[in-house]
């Protein structure tokens, strides 16, 4: 899909990609859905991945809310830069 150029297109793409993720998870067997990922991965299972994505979604909503008030949000999060997102991701994983 091409990059969205409007709010409607962005919402449509978001809904489409969410459905693709949901469909992928649903096609897995219950054992595969509950499986633990190999050692060395940041997230240990599908639940961790979904929680991680949710946390990033909450960060985005926070950036939007702060930006709409005319202020500059700490991006990606207070105490982190885009170069240190791996450390932020590790913090998200343990919290």
PDB file of N, CA and C in Angstrom:
ATOM      1  N   UNK A   1       0.840  -1.181   0.000  1.00  0.00           N
ATOM      2  CA  UNK A   1       0.000   0.000   0.000  1.00  0.00           C
ATOM      3  C   UNK A   1       0.884   1.243   0.000  1.00  0.00           C
ATOM      4  N   UNK A   2       0.471   2.255  -0.754  1.00  0.00           N
ATOM      5  CA  UNK A   2       1.248   3.503  -0.743  1.00  0.00           C
ATOM      6  C   UNK A   2       1.113   4.210   0.607  1.00  0.00           C
ATOM      7  N   UNK A   3       2.070   5.077   0.856  1.00  0.00           N
ATOM      8  CA  UNK A   3       2.062   5.850   2.092  1.00  0.00           C
ATOM      9  C   UNK A   3       0.801   6.713   2.153  1.00  0.00           C
ATOM     10  N   UNK A   4       0.096   6.692   3.293  1.00  0.00           N
ATOM     11  CA  UNK A   4      -1.148   7.474   3.381  1.00  0.00           C
ATOM     12  C   UNK A   4      -0.883   8.974   3.285  1.00  0.00           C
ATOM     13  N   UNK A   5      -1.795   9.668   2.595  1.00  0.00           N
ATOM     14  CA  UNK A   5      -1.651  11.109   2.397  1.00  0.00           C
ATOM     15  C   UNK A   5      -2.775  11.895   3.062  1.00  0.00           C
ATOM     16  N   UNK A   6      -3.626  11.205   3.807  1.00  0.00           N
ATOM     17  CA  UNK A   6      -4.711  11.882   4.510  1.00  0.00           C
ATOM     18  C   UNK A   6      -5.007  11.116   5.796  1.00  0.00           C
ATOM     19  N   UNK A   7      -5.763  11.762   6.668  1.00  0.00           N
ATOM     20  CA  UNK A   7      -6.135  11.114   7.927  1.00  0.00           C
ATOM     21  C   UNK A   7      -6.960   9.861   7.654  1.00  0.00           C
ATOM     22  N   UNK A   8      -7.883   9.953   6.716  1.00  0.00           N
ATOM     23  CA  UNK A   8      -8.733   8.803   6.385  1.00  0.00           C
ATOM     24  C   UNK A   8      -7.871   7.651   5.868  1.00  0.00           C
ATOM     25  N   UNK A   9      -6.925   7.957   4.990  1.00  0.00           N
ATOM     26  CA  UNK A   9      -6.050   6.920   4.441  1.00  0.00           C
ATOM     27  C   UNK A   9      -5.191   6.294   5.543  1.00  0.00           C
ATOM     28  N   UNK A  10      -4.728   7.113   6.471  1.00  0.00           N
ATOM     29  CA  UNK A  10      -3.936   6.601   7.586  1.00  0.00           C
ATOM     30  C   UNK A  10      -4.769   5.685   8.477  1.00  0.00           C
ATOM     31  N   UNK A  11      -5.993   6.087   8.771  1.00  0.00           N
ATOM     32  CA  UNK A  11      -6.877   5.253   9.588  1.00  0.00           C
ATOM     33  C   UNK A  11      -7.205   3.942   8.875  1.00  0.00           C
ATOM     34  N   UNK A  12      -7.443   4.012   7.562  1.00  0.00           N
ATOM     35  CA  UNK A  12      -7.722   2.800   6.789  1.00  0.00           C
ATOM     36  C   UNK A  12      -6.524   1.852   6.804  1.00  0.00           C
ATOM     37  N   UNK A  13      -5.338   2.406   6.598  1.00  0.00           N
ATOM     38  CA  UNK A  13      -4.131   1.578   6.610  1.00  0.00           C
ATOM     39  C   UNK A  13      -3.906   0.970   7.990  1.00  0.00           C
ATOM     40  N   UNK A  14      -4.148   1.752   9.027  1.00  0.00           N
ATOM     41  CA  UNK A  14      -3.994   1.239  10.396  1.00  0.00           C
ATOM     42  C   UNK A  14      -4.950   0.083  10.653  1.00  0.00           C
ATOM     43  N   UNK A  15      -6.198   0.248  10.260  1.00  0.00           N
ATOM     44  CA  UNK A  15      -7.193  -0.813  10.445  1.00  0.00           C
ATOM     45  C   UNK A  15      -6.812  -2.057   9.642  1.00  0.00           C
ATOM     46  N   UNK A  16      -6.344  -1.843   8.419  1.00  0.00           N
ATOM     47  CA  UNK A  16      -5.929  -2.958   7.565  1.00  0.00           C
ATOM     48  C   UNK A  16      -4.768  -3.732   8.198  1.00  0.00           C
ATOM     49  N   UNK A  17      -3.757  -3.004   8.671  1.00  0.00           N
ATOM     50  CA  UNK A  17      -2.595  -3.664   9.268  1.00  0.00           C
ATOM     51  C   UNK A  17      -2.940  -4.331  10.594  1.00  0.00           C
ATOM     52  N   UNK A  18      -3.827  -3.734  11.370  1.00  0.00           N
ATOM     53  CA  UNK A  18      -4.266  -4.376  12.610  1.00  0.00           C
ATOM     54  C   UNK A  18      -4.973  -5.685  12.293  1.00  0.00           C
ATOM     55  N   UNK A  19      -5.808  -5.672  11.274  1.00  0.00           N
ATOM     56  CA  UNK A  19      -6.521  -6.892  10.886  1.00  0.00           C
ATOM     57  C   UNK A  19      -5.550  -7.965  10.399  1.00  0.00           C
ATOM     58  N   UNK A  20      -4.521  -7.561   9.654  1.00  0.00           N
ATOM     59  CA  UNK A  20      -3.511  -8.526   9.201  1.00  0.00           C
ATOM     60  C   UNK A  20      -2.806  -9.167  10.395  1.00  0.00           C
ATOM     61  N   UNK A  21      -2.462  -8.358  11.396  1.00  0.00           N
ATOM     62  CA  UNK A  21      -1.819  -8.885  12.593  1.00  0.00           C
ATOM     63  C   UNK A  21      -2.757  -9.847  13.319  1.00  0.00           C
ATOM     64  N   UNK A  22      -3.998  -9.443  13.488  1.00  0.00           N
ATOM     65  CA  UNK A  22      -4.994 -10.288  14.154  1.00  0.00           C
ATOM     66  C   UNK A  22      -5.180 -11.601  13.394  1.00  0.00           C
ATOM     67  N   UNK A  23      -5.305 -11.522  12.075  1.00  0.00           N
ATOM     68  CA  UNK A  23      -5.481 -12.730  11.263  1.00  0.00           C
ATOM     69  C   UNK A  23      -4.279 -13.655  11.373  1.00  0.00           C
ATOM     70  N   UNK A  24      -3.078 -13.075  11.388  1.00  0.00           N
ATOM     71  CA  UNK A  24      -1.872 -13.896  11.517  1.00  0.00           C
ATOM     72  C   UNK A  24      -1.875 -14.662  12.833  1.00  0.00           C
ATOM     73  N   UNK A  25      -2.164 -13.964  13.910  1.00  0.00           N
ATOM     74  CA  UNK A  25      -2.174 -14.612  15.229  1.00  0.00           C
ATOM     75  C   UNK A  25      -3.260 -15.679  15.293  1.00  0.00           C
ATOM     76  N   UNK A  26      -4.431 -15.373  14.739  1.00  0.00           N
ATOM     77  CA  UNK A  26      -5.542 -16.320  14.772  1.00  0.00           C
ATOM     78  C   UNK A  26      -5.256 -17.596  13.987  1.00  0.00           C
ATOM     79  N   UNK A  27      -4.429 -17.515  12.949  1.00  0.00           N
ATOM     80  CA  UNK A  27      -4.157 -18.710  12.156  1.00  0.00           C
ATOM     81  C   UNK A  27      -3.155 -19.641  12.841  1.00  0.00           C
ATOM     82  N   UNK A  28      -2.526 -19.157  13.905  1.00  0.00           N
ATOM     83  CA  UNK A  28      -1.612 -20.009  14.666  1.00  0.00           C
ATOM     84  C   UNK A  28      -2.414 -20.941  15.572  1.00  0.00           C
ATOM     85  N   UNK A  29      -1.864 -22.086  15.828  1.00  0.00           N
ATOM     86  CA  UNK A  29      -2.517 -23.007  16.768  1.00  0.00           C
ATOM     87  C   UNK A  29      -2.421 -22.418  18.177  1.00  0.00           C
ATOM     88  N   UNK A  30      -3.266 -22.879  19.100  1.00  0.00           N
ATOM     89  CA  UNK A  30      -3.157 -22.395  20.486  1.00  0.00           C
ATOM     90  C   UNK A  30      -1.755 -22.617  21.068  1.00  0.00           C
ATOM     91  N   UNK A  31      -1.134 -23.732  20.731  1.00  0.00           N
ATOM     92  CA  UNK A  31       0.231 -23.993  21.233  1.00  0.00           C
ATOM     93  C   UNK A  31       1.222 -22.986  20.661  1.00  0.00           C
ATOM     94  N   UNK A  32       1.078 -22.665  19.366  1.00  0.00           N
ATOM     95  CA  UNK A  32       1.972 -21.668  18.760  1.00  0.00           C
ATOM     96  C   UNK A  32       1.722 -20.290  19.353  1.00  0.00           C
ATOM     97  N   UNK A  33       0.464 -19.973  19.621  1.00  0.00           N
ATOM     98  CA  UNK A  33       0.152 -18.673  20.209  1.00  0.00           C
ATOM     99  C   UNK A  33       0.755 -18.519  21.602  1.00  0.00           C
ATOM    100  N   UNK A  34       0.859 -19.622  22.336  1.00  0.00           N
ATOM    101  CA  UNK A  34       1.373 -19.580  23.704  1.00  0.00           C
ATOM    102  C   UNK A  34       2.868 -19.865  23.783  1.00  0.00           C
ATOM    103  N   UNK A  35       3.492 -20.161  22.652  1.00  0.00           N
ATOM    104  CA  UNK A  35       4.899 -20.564  22.648  1.00  0.00           C
ATOM    105  C   UNK A  35       5.825 -19.433  23.103  1.00  0.00           C
ATOM    106  N   UNK A  36       6.932 -19.846  23.652  1.00  0.00           N
ATOM    107  CA  UNK A  36       7.984 -18.908  24.046  1.00  0.00           C
ATOM    108  C   UNK A  36       8.947 -18.753  22.882  1.00  0.00           C
ATOM    109  N   UNK A  37       9.369 -17.520  22.622  1.00  0.00           N
ATOM    110  CA  UNK A  37      10.309 -17.257  21.539  1.00  0.00           C
ATOM    111  C   UNK A  37      11.703 -17.745  21.925  1.00  0.00           C
ATOM    112  N   UNK A  38      12.575 -17.925  20.939  1.00  0.00           N
ATOM    113  CA  UNK A  38      13.933 -18.389  21.230  1.00  0.00           C
ATOM    114  C   UNK A  38      14.685 -17.405  22.135  1.00  0.00           C
ATOM    115  N   UNK A  39      15.627 -17.913  22.920  1.00  0.00           N
ATOM    116  CA  UNK A  39      16.442 -17.017  23.756  1.00  0.00           C
ATOM    117  C   UNK A  39      17.127 -15.949  22.895  1.00  0.00           C
ATOM    118  N   UNK A  40      17.312 -14.789  23.482  1.00  0.00           N
ATOM    119  CA  UNK A  40      17.988 -13.699  22.783  1.00  0.00           C
ATOM    120  C   UNK A  40      17.048 -12.714  22.113  1.00  0.00           C
ATOM    121  N   UNK A  41      15.740 -13.002  22.128  1.00  0.00           N
ATOM    122  CA  UNK A  41      14.779 -12.051  21.566  1.00  0.00           C
ATOM    123  C   UNK A  41      14.306 -11.115  22.667  1.00  0.00           C
ATOM    124  N   UNK A  42      13.980  -9.894  22.290  1.00  0.00           N
ATOM    125  CA  UNK A  42      13.558  -8.900  23.279  1.00  0.00           C
ATOM    126  C   UNK A  42      12.256  -9.326  23.950  1.00  0.00           C
ATOM    127  N   UNK A  43      11.289  -9.707  23.149  1.00  0.00           N
ATOM    128  CA  UNK A  43       9.997 -10.128  23.686  1.00  0.00           C
ATOM    129  C   UNK A  43       9.965 -11.639  23.772  1.00  0.00           C
ATOM    130  N   UNK A  44       9.332 -12.163  24.815  1.00  0.00           N
ATOM    131  CA  UNK A  44       9.386 -13.604  25.067  1.00  0.00           C
ATOM    132  C   UNK A  44       8.251 -14.385  24.416  1.00  0.00           C
ATOM    133  N   UNK A  45       7.182 -13.686  23.990  1.00  0.00           N
ATOM    134  CA  UNK A  45       6.034 -14.376  23.418  1.00  0.00           C
ATOM    135  C   UNK A  45       5.151 -13.353  22.706  1.00  0.00           C
ATOM    136  N   UNK A  46       4.077 -13.837  22.088  1.00  0.00           N
ATOM    137  CA  UNK A  46       3.182 -12.943  21.348  1.00  0.00           C
ATOM    138  C   UNK A  46       2.582 -11.886  22.270  1.00  0.00           C
ATOM    139  N   UNK A  47       2.241 -12.270  23.476  1.00  0.00           N
ATOM    140  CA  UNK A  47       1.665 -11.315  24.431  1.00  0.00           C
ATOM    141  C   UNK A  47       2.633 -10.153  24.665  1.00  0.00           C
ATOM    142  N   UNK A  48       3.924 -10.457  24.803  1.00  0.00           N
ATOM    143  CA  UNK A  48       4.923  -9.400  24.992  1.00  0.00           C
ATOM    144  C   UNK A  48       4.980  -8.471  23.776  1.00  0.00           C
ATOM    145  N   UNK A  49       4.914  -9.041  22.584  1.00  0.00           N
ATOM    146  CA  UNK A  49       4.956  -8.226  21.363  1.00  0.00           C
ATOM    147  C   UNK A  49       3.762  -7.275  21.328  1.00  0.00           C
ATOM    148  N   UNK A  50       2.578  -7.797  21.621  1.00  0.00           N
ATOM    149  CA  UNK A  50       1.380  -6.957  21.595  1.00  0.00           C
ATOM    150  C   UNK A  50       1.431  -5.877  22.673  1.00  0.00           C
ATOM    151  N   UNK A  51       1.935  -6.224  23.839  1.00  0.00           N
ATOM    152  CA  UNK A  51       2.084  -5.244  24.913  1.00  0.00           C
ATOM    153  C   UNK A  51       3.072  -4.158  24.502  1.00  0.00           C
ATOM    154  N   UNK A  52       4.148  -4.564  23.858  1.00  0.00           N
ATOM    155  CA  UNK A  52       5.168  -3.625  23.393  1.00  0.00           C
ATOM    156  C   UNK A  52       4.576  -2.663  22.359  1.00  0.00           C
ATOM    157  N   UNK A  53       3.842  -3.205  21.402  1.00  0.00           N
ATOM    158  CA  UNK A  53       3.187  -2.353  20.404  1.00  0.00           C
ATOM    159  C   UNK A  53       2.196  -1.393  21.055  1.00  0.00           C
ATOM    160  N   UNK A  54       1.474  -1.872  22.056  1.00  0.00           N
ATOM    161  CA  UNK A  54       0.520  -1.021  22.768  1.00  0.00           C
ATOM    162  C   UNK A  54       1.244   0.133  23.470  1.00  0.00           C
ATOM    163  N   UNK A  55       2.375  -0.158  24.087  1.00  0.00           N
ATOM    164  CA  UNK A  55       3.126   0.902  24.769  1.00  0.00           C
ATOM    165  C   UNK A  55       3.562   1.977  23.769  1.00  0.00           C
ATOM    166  N   UNK A  56       4.047   1.564  22.594  1.00  0.00           N
ATOM    167  CA  UNK A  56       4.433   2.543  21.578  1.00  0.00           C
ATOM    168  C   UNK A  56       3.223   3.340  21.103  1.00  0.00           C
ATOM    169  N   UNK A  57       2.080   2.705  21.023  1.00  0.00           N
ATOM    170  CA  UNK A  57       0.850   3.407  20.652  1.00  0.00           C
ATOM    171  C   UNK A  57       0.518   4.479  21.699  1.00  0.00           C
ATOM    172  N   UNK A  58       0.671   4.124  22.968  1.00  0.00           N
ATOM    173  CA  UNK A  58       0.426   5.100  24.036  1.00  0.00           C
ATOM    174  C   UNK A  58       1.412   6.262  23.958  1.00  0.00           C
ATOM    175  N   UNK A  59       2.677   5.969  23.615  1.00  0.00           N
ATOM    176  CA  UNK A  59       3.652   7.049  23.431  1.00  0.00           C
ATOM    177  C   UNK A  59       3.196   7.986  22.314  1.00  0.00           C
ATOM    178  N   UNK A  60       2.750   7.413  21.203  1.00  0.00           N
ATOM    179  CA  UNK A  60       2.281   8.229  20.086  1.00  0.00           C
ATOM    180  C   UNK A  60       1.121   9.130  20.511  1.00  0.00           C
ATOM    181  N   UNK A  61       0.164   8.563  21.231  1.00  0.00           N
ATOM    182  CA  UNK A  61      -0.975   9.369  21.685  1.00  0.00           C
ATOM    183  C   UNK A  61      -0.511  10.494  22.616  1.00  0.00           C
ATOM    184  N   UNK A  62       0.493  10.207  23.434  1.00  0.00           N
ATOM    185  CA  UNK A  62       1.040  11.242  24.319  1.00  0.00           C
ATOM    186  C   UNK A  62       1.711  12.343  23.499  1.00  0.00           C
ATOM    187  N   UNK A  63       2.491  11.970  22.480  1.00  0.00           N
ATOM    188  CA  UNK A  63       3.122  12.983  21.622  1.00  0.00           C
ATOM    189  C   UNK A  63       2.055  13.866  20.985  1.00  0.00           C
ATOM    190  N   UNK A  64       0.990  13.234  20.500  1.00  0.00           N
ATOM    191  CA  UNK A  64      -0.091  13.972  19.838  1.00  0.00           C
ATOM    192  C   UNK A  64      -0.749  14.940  20.812  1.00  0.00           C
ATOM    193  N   UNK A  65      -1.084  14.448  21.997  1.00  0.00           N
ATOM    194  CA  UNK A  65      -1.761  15.292  22.989  1.00  0.00           C
ATOM    195  C   UNK A  65      -0.904  16.490  23.370  1.00  0.00           C
ATOM    196  N   UNK A  66       0.360  16.273  23.626  1.00  0.00           N
ATOM    197  CA  UNK A  66       1.265  17.360  24.000  1.00  0.00           C
ATOM    198  C   UNK A  66       1.432  18.329  22.830  1.00  0.00           C
ATOM    199  N   UNK A  67       1.608  17.781  21.622  1.00  0.00           N
ATOM    200  CA  UNK A  67       1.769  18.621  20.438  1.00  0.00           C
ATOM    201  C   UNK A  67       0.549  19.467  20.153  1.00  0.00           C
ATOM    202  N   UNK A  68      -0.637  18.923  20.373  1.00  0.00           N
ATOM    203  CA  UNK A  68      -1.865  19.693  20.136  1.00  0.00           C
ATOM    204  C   UNK A  68      -2.026  20.828  21.133  1.00  0.00           C
ATOM    205  N   UNK A  69      -1.327  20.750  22.250  1.00  0.00           N
ATOM    206  CA  UNK A  69      -1.346  21.847  23.226  1.00  0.00           C
ATOM    207  C   UNK A  69      -0.288  22.891  22.896  1.00  0.00           C
ATOM    208  N   UNK A  70       0.408  22.700  21.752  1.00  0.00           N
ATOM    209  CA  UNK A  70       1.425  23.653  21.332  1.00  0.00           C
ATOM    210  C   UNK A  70       2.768  23.442  21.985  1.00  0.00           C
ATOM    211  N   UNK A  71       2.936  22.344  22.674  1.00  0.00           N
ATOM    212  CA  UNK A  71       4.194  22.052  23.342  1.00  0.00           C
ATOM    213  C   UNK A  71       4.957  21.003  22.549  1.00  0.00           C
ATOM    214  N   UNK A  72       6.218  20.832  22.906  1.00  0.00           N
ATOM    215  CA  UNK A  72       7.075  19.864  22.216  1.00  0.00           C
ATOM    216  C   UNK A  72       7.239  18.631  23.105  1.00  0.00           C
ATOM    217  N   UNK A  73       6.737  17.487  22.657  1.00  0.00           N
ATOM    218  CA  UNK A  73       6.857  16.274  23.471  1.00  0.00           C
ATOM    219  C   UNK A  73       8.284  15.732  23.463  1.00  0.00           C
ATOM    220  N   UNK A  74       8.649  15.048  24.521  1.00  0.00           N
ATOM    221  CA  UNK A  74       9.931  14.345  24.563  1.00  0.00           C
ATOM    222  C   UNK A  74       9.788  13.125  23.667  1.00  0.00           C
ATOM    223  N   UNK A  75      10.574  13.099  22.610  1.00  0.00           N
ATOM    224  CA  UNK A  75      10.454  11.992  21.656  1.00  0.00           C
ATOM    225  C   UNK A  75      11.799  11.288  21.528  1.00  0.00           C
ATOM    226  N   UNK A  76      11.809   9.989  21.616  1.00  0.00           N
ATOM    227  CA  UNK A  76      10.654   9.111  21.733  1.00  0.00           C
ATOM    228  C   UNK A  76      10.072   9.060  23.143  1.00  0.00           C
ATOM    229  N   UNK A  77      10.879   9.336  24.167  1.00  0.00           N
ATOM    230  CA  UNK A  77      10.391   9.397  25.552  1.00  0.00           C
ATOM    231  C   UNK A  77      11.420  10.169  26.371  1.00  0.00           C
ATOM    232  N   UNK A  78      11.003  10.677  27.504  1.00  0.00           N
ATOM    233  CA  UNK A  78      11.910  11.438  28.361  1.00  0.00           C
ATOM    234  C   UNK A  78      13.140  10.599  28.696  1.00  0.00           C
ATOM    235  N   UNK A  79      14.300  11.172  28.480  1.00  0.00           N
ATOM    236  CA  UNK A  79      15.553  10.485  28.784  1.00  0.00           C
ATOM    237  C   UNK A  79      16.086   9.613  27.657  1.00  0.00           C
ATOM    238  N   UNK A  80      15.387   9.565  26.534  1.00  0.00           N
ATOM    239  CA  UNK A  80      15.797   8.726  25.401  1.00  0.00           C
ATOM    240  C   UNK A  80      15.835   9.568  24.129  1.00  0.00           C
ATOM    241  N   UNK A  81      16.664   9.124  23.181  1.00  0.00           N
ATOM    242  CA  UNK A  81      16.706   9.725  21.853  1.00  0.00           C
ATOM    243  C   UNK A  81      16.378   8.622  20.852  1.00  0.00           C
ATOM    244  N   UNK A  82      16.211   9.022  19.588  1.00  0.00           N
ATOM    245  CA  UNK A  82      15.931   8.006  18.570  1.00  0.00           C
ATOM    246  C   UNK A  82      17.107   7.043  18.436  1.00  0.00           C
ATOM    247  N   UNK A  83      18.293   7.492  18.783  1.00  0.00           N
ATOM    248  CA  UNK A  83      19.467   6.590  18.734  1.00  0.00           C
ATOM    249  C   UNK A  83      19.493   5.606  19.894  1.00  0.00           C
ATOM    250  N   UNK A  84      18.737   5.899  20.941  1.00  0.00           N
ATOM    251  CA  UNK A  84      18.730   5.003  22.099  1.00  0.00           C
ATOM    252  C   UNK A  84      17.399   4.270  22.237  1.00  0.00           C
ATOM    253  N   UNK A  85      16.707   4.073  21.123  1.00  0.00           N
ATOM    254  CA  UNK A  85      15.424   3.371  21.200  1.00  0.00           C
ATOM    255  C   UNK A  85      15.596   1.921  21.656  1.00  0.00           C
ATOM    256  N   UNK A  86      16.754   1.329  21.416  1.00  0.00           N
ATOM    257  CA  UNK A  86      16.942  -0.050  21.896  1.00  0.00           C
ATOM    258  C   UNK A  86      16.893  -0.083  23.423  1.00  0.00           C
ATOM    259  N   UNK A  87      17.470   0.925  24.079  1.00  0.00           N
ATOM    260  CA  UNK A  87      17.393   0.998  25.532  1.00  0.00           C
ATOM    261  C   UNK A  87      15.960   1.262  25.999  1.00  0.00           C
ATOM    262  N   UNK A  88      15.243   2.117  25.267  1.00  0.00           N
ATOM    263  CA  UNK A  88      13.843   2.374  25.575  1.00  0.00           C
ATOM    264  C   UNK A  88      13.029   1.086  25.423  1.00  0.00           C
ATOM    265  N   UNK A  89      13.278   0.364  24.355  1.00  0.00           N
ATOM    266  CA  UNK A  89      12.569  -0.907  24.156  1.00  0.00           C
ATOM    267  C   UNK A  89      12.856  -1.888  25.270  1.00  0.00           C
ATOM    268  N   UNK A  90      14.075  -1.916  25.765  1.00  0.00           N
ATOM    269  CA  UNK A  90      14.400  -2.786  26.891  1.00  0.00           C
ATOM    270  C   UNK A  90      13.658  -2.336  28.141  1.00  0.00           C
ATOM    271  N   UNK A  91      13.554  -1.034  28.377  1.00  0.00           N
ATOM    272  CA  UNK A  91      12.823  -0.520  29.524  1.00  0.00           C
ATOM    273  C   UNK A  91      11.353  -0.910  29.407  1.00  0.00           C
ATOM    274  N   UNK A  92      10.785  -0.757  28.214  1.00  0.00           N
ATOM    275  CA  UNK A  92       9.388  -1.131  28.002  1.00  0.00           C
ATOM    276  C   UNK A  92       9.194  -2.615  28.315  1.00  0.00           C
ATOM    277  N   UNK A  93      10.130  -3.435  27.894  1.00  0.00           N
ATOM    278  CA  UNK A  93       9.996  -4.890  28.069  1.00  0.00           C
ATOM    279  C   UNK A  93       9.963  -5.298  29.543  1.00  0.00           C
ATOM    280  N   UNK A  94      10.700  -4.601  30.388  1.00  0.00           N
ATOM    281  CA  UNK A  94      10.745  -5.021  31.810  1.00  0.00           C
ATOM    282  C   UNK A  94       9.687  -4.305  32.659  1.00  0.00           C
ATOM    283  N   UNK A  95       9.010  -3.330  32.078  1.00  0.00           N
ATOM    284  CA  UNK A  95       7.979  -2.612  32.847  1.00  0.00           C
ATOM    285  C   UNK A  95       6.666  -2.986  32.304  1.00  0.00           C
TER     286      UNK A  95
END
